[in-house]
């Protein structure tokens, strides 16, 4: 997103995208005003004007006449779904994954099997290279608390997230690195699985 976008504009843009993703329909002015907790529809109109000037949306003047645009002004096409990038994940040692949306990326619905609850995490480190996950890649994550043995997961340890392979042996589970330079993680304290990695988008330099 543009560095010039304000926090308020970003909140409104994310709300519009969320409504389109979940309901296949842009929000009304009243719904946007309710979301922003403002009484003046003029305040909403000003924010929309600013987003349009920056190339994020296009308005038609009609009710719910809002079209979300990509950064280059390309209209969101049918068959695409906007998926949020919510932060970085350390694939070497655990790294805090900030629960905030950094940007939205349009992916073919076939890539995410039409699911609207998936999210993207950017990988840092090289502990999963033997599984084909490299520095800078985006992993597609499907939220899940229960996974199967050998699934690649995003696990939360001490409020920090890491990408590893989930290994279950009898009643004991641990996180396996896919690089011999890294040790496996045997959590001694409480930990949880945030989701299952269901795809990888290669980072090309």
Foldseek 3Di string as FASTA:
>chain_A
DDPPQDPLLVVLLVQQLVCCLVPVAGDFLVVSCVVSVHDDSVVVVVSVVVCVVQLQWDADPDTSRIFGADNVNHTQDPQKHWAFAQAAAEAADFDAGHRHGPGIDIDGCVLVVVDPQKHKHFYDDDQAVLVVDHHGKIFIWDFDFDDDQQFWFWKADPNTTYTFGWHDDPPAIWGHTNDVVGDTGRDPDDMTTGTTGDDIGDDDD
